[in-house]
Amino acid sequence: MSILVEIIQGLGSIVLGIINVYIWVIIIAALLSFVNPDPFNPIVQFLYRITNPAYMLVRRYVRTNFNGLDLAPLIIVIGLQVLLVLLSALLRAL
């Protein structure tokens, strides 16, 4: 039984790490939107390609544009932080 718990905790730690990396990707993409980078840069294209589906999901349900400022990245980061806290508490309870 303890081997199964350790496997679940290991997989949970991997998921927590992936969520942390995605949070940083969203933060970097949001900061890049302020400087208006070259849209043909492969790194910028990758960042936009990986963050736009999450932005569109949030924008479908919540109005995120306030006076020209898009709050979708902030909503996503807060949601992912809540998810991190819940998953880490769940993993510690095992």
C-alpha atoms as a PDB file:
ATOM      1  CA  MET A   1       0.000   0.000   0.000  1.00  0.00           C
ATOM      2  CA  SER A   2       2.813   2.434   0.789  1.00  0.00           C
ATOM      3  CA  ILE A   3       4.348   1.883  -2.648  1.00  0.00           C
ATOM      4  CA  LEU A   4       1.096   3.010  -4.263  1.00  0.00           C
ATOM      5  CA  VAL A   5       1.010   6.109  -2.040  1.00  0.00           C
ATOM      6  CA  GLU A   6       4.597   6.953  -2.972  1.00  0.00           C
ATOM      7  CA  ILE A   7       3.831   6.565  -6.684  1.00  0.00           C
ATOM      8  CA  ILE A   8       0.796   8.838  -6.340  1.00  0.00           C
ATOM      9  CA  GLN A   9       2.849  11.399  -4.408  1.00  0.00           C
ATOM     10  CA  GLY A  10       5.586  11.271  -7.051  1.00  0.00           C
ATOM     11  CA  LEU A  11       3.130  11.780  -9.888  1.00  0.00           C
ATOM     12  CA  GLY A  12       1.473  14.549  -7.900  1.00  0.00           C
ATOM     13  CA  SER A  13       4.822  16.261  -7.452  1.00  0.00           C
ATOM     14  CA  ILE A  14       5.371  16.113 -11.207  1.00  0.00           C
ATOM     15  CA  VAL A  15       1.941  17.668 -11.791  1.00  0.00           C
ATOM     16  CA  LEU A  16       2.719  20.410  -9.259  1.00  0.00           C
ATOM     17  CA  GLY A  17       5.985  21.132 -11.069  1.00  0.00           C
ATOM     18  CA  ILE A  18       4.244  21.342 -14.436  1.00  0.00           C
ATOM     19  CA  ILE A  19       1.672  23.744 -12.997  1.00  0.00           C
ATOM     20  CA  ASN A  20       4.483  25.907 -11.585  1.00  0.00           C
ATOM     21  CA  VAL A  21       6.220  26.011 -14.961  1.00  0.00           C
ATOM     22  CA  TYR A  22       2.943  26.954 -16.681  1.00  0.00           C
ATOM     23  CA  ILE A  23       2.440  29.781 -14.192  1.00  0.00           C
ATOM     24  CA  TRP A  24       5.858  31.170 -15.131  1.00  0.00           C
ATOM     25  CA  VAL A  25       5.091  30.792 -18.836  1.00  0.00           C
ATOM     26  CA  ILE A  26       1.906  32.822 -18.358  1.00  0.00           C
ATOM     27  CA  ILE A  27       3.787  35.494 -16.419  1.00  0.00           C
ATOM     28  CA  ILE A  28       6.480  35.739 -19.106  1.00  0.00           C
ATOM     29  CA  ALA A  29       3.891  35.901 -21.904  1.00  0.00           C
ATOM     30  CA  ALA A  30       1.984  38.625 -20.045  1.00  0.00           C
ATOM     31  CA  LEU A  31       5.144  40.663 -19.555  1.00  0.00           C
ATOM     32  CA  LEU A  32       6.045  40.227 -23.221  1.00  0.00           C
ATOM     33  CA  SER A  33       2.679  41.629 -24.226  1.00  0.00           C
ATOM     34  CA  PHE A  34       3.687  44.970 -22.675  1.00  0.00           C
ATOM     35  CA  VAL A  35       6.774  45.358 -24.905  1.00  0.00           C
ATOM     36  CA  ASN A  36       5.151  44.194 -28.162  1.00  0.00           C
ATOM     37  CA  PRO A  37       7.806  41.690 -29.328  1.00  0.00           C
ATOM     38  CA  ASP A  38       8.434  40.456 -32.851  1.00  0.00           C
ATOM     39  CA  PRO A  39       5.494  38.118 -33.636  1.00  0.00           C
ATOM     40  CA  PHE A  40       7.670  35.998 -35.939  1.00  0.00           C
ATOM     41  CA  ASN A  41      10.124  35.092 -33.179  1.00  0.00           C
ATOM     42  CA  PRO A  42       9.761  31.336 -32.525  1.00  0.00           C
ATOM     43  CA  ILE A  43       9.929  31.765 -28.746  1.00  0.00           C
ATOM     44  CA  VAL A  44       7.172  34.385 -28.794  1.00  0.00           C
ATOM     45  CA  GLN A  45       5.060  32.191 -31.077  1.00  0.00           C
ATOM     46  CA  PHE A  46       5.539  29.243 -28.728  1.00  0.00           C
ATOM     47  CA  LEU A  47       4.551  31.309 -25.678  1.00  0.00           C
ATOM     48  CA  TYR A  48       1.432  32.647 -27.386  1.00  0.00           C
ATOM     49  CA  ARG A  49       0.511  29.211 -28.726  1.00  0.00           C
ATOM     50  CA  ILE A  50       0.740  27.637 -25.283  1.00  0.00           C
ATOM     51  CA  THR A  51      -1.089  30.412 -23.389  1.00  0.00           C
ATOM     52  CA  ASN A  52      -3.847  31.458 -25.800  1.00  0.00           C
ATOM     53  CA  PRO A  53      -6.079  28.383 -25.210  1.00  0.00           C
ATOM     54  CA  ALA A  54      -6.201  29.158 -21.486  1.00  0.00           C
ATOM     55  CA  TYR A  55      -6.841  32.842 -22.196  1.00  0.00           C
ATOM     56  CA  MET A  56      -9.704  32.002 -24.550  1.00  0.00           C
ATOM     57  CA  LEU A  57     -11.257  29.664 -21.984  1.00  0.00           C
ATOM     58  CA  VAL A  58     -11.249  32.400 -19.338  1.00  0.00           C
ATOM     59  CA  ARG A  59     -12.436  35.074 -21.785  1.00  0.00           C
ATOM     60  CA  ARG A  60     -15.379  32.888 -22.786  1.00  0.00           C
ATOM     61  CA  TYR A  61     -16.822  33.007 -19.253  1.00  0.00           C
ATOM     62  CA  VAL A  62     -15.455  36.232 -17.733  1.00  0.00           C
ATOM     63  CA  ARG A  63     -15.063  39.723 -19.148  1.00  0.00           C
ATOM     64  CA  THR A  64     -11.321  40.327 -18.748  1.00  0.00           C
ATOM     65  CA  ASN A  65     -10.691  43.562 -20.655  1.00  0.00           C
ATOM     66  CA  PHE A  66     -10.816  46.569 -18.329  1.00  0.00           C
ATOM     67  CA  ASN A  67      -9.704  49.884 -19.840  1.00  0.00           C
ATOM     68  CA  GLY A  68      -7.373  48.164 -22.287  1.00  0.00           C
ATOM     69  CA  LEU A  69      -5.786  45.931 -19.630  1.00  0.00           C
ATOM     70  CA  ASP A  70      -6.335  42.202 -20.069  1.00  0.00           C
ATOM     71  CA  LEU A  71      -6.790  40.475 -16.721  1.00  0.00           C
ATOM     72  CA  ALA A  72      -6.984  36.922 -18.105  1.00  0.00           C
ATOM     73  CA  PRO A  73      -3.385  36.072 -17.102  1.00  0.00           C
ATOM     74  CA  LEU A  74      -4.037  37.266 -13.557  1.00  0.00           C
ATOM     75  CA  ILE A  75      -7.215  35.179 -13.284  1.00  0.00           C
ATOM     76  CA  ILE A  76      -5.410  32.104 -14.607  1.00  0.00           C
ATOM     77  CA  VAL A  77      -2.438  32.530 -12.270  1.00  0.00           C
ATOM     78  CA  ILE A  78      -4.706  32.950  -9.242  1.00  0.00           C
ATOM     79  CA  GLY A  79      -6.711  29.878 -10.257  1.00  0.00           C
ATOM     80  CA  LEU A  80      -3.568  27.814 -10.744  1.00  0.00           C
ATOM     81  CA  GLN A  81      -2.208  28.968  -7.374  1.00  0.00           C
ATOM     82  CA  VAL A  82      -5.421  27.810  -5.698  1.00  0.00           C
ATOM     83  CA  LEU A  83      -5.098  24.491  -7.521  1.00  0.00           C
ATOM     84  CA  LEU A  84      -1.491  24.170  -6.331  1.00  0.00           C
ATOM     85  CA  VAL A  85      -2.496  24.708  -2.711  1.00  0.00           C
ATOM     86  CA  LEU A  86      -5.324  22.193  -2.931  1.00  0.00           C
ATOM     87  CA  LEU A  87      -3.232  19.521  -4.651  1.00  0.00           C
ATOM     88  CA  SER A  88      -0.280  19.935  -2.295  1.00  0.00           C
ATOM     89  CA  ALA A  89      -2.606  19.670   0.724  1.00  0.00           C
ATOM     90  CA  LEU A  90      -4.163  16.555  -0.788  1.00  0.00           C
ATOM     91  CA  LEU A  91      -0.759  14.997  -1.419  1.00  0.00           C
ATOM     92  CA  ARG A  92       0.402  15.762   2.121  1.00  0.00           C
ATOM     93  CA  ALA A  93      -2.741  14.102   3.502  1.00  0.00           C
ATOM     94  CA  LEU A  94      -1.861  10.776   1.866  1.00  0.00           C
END
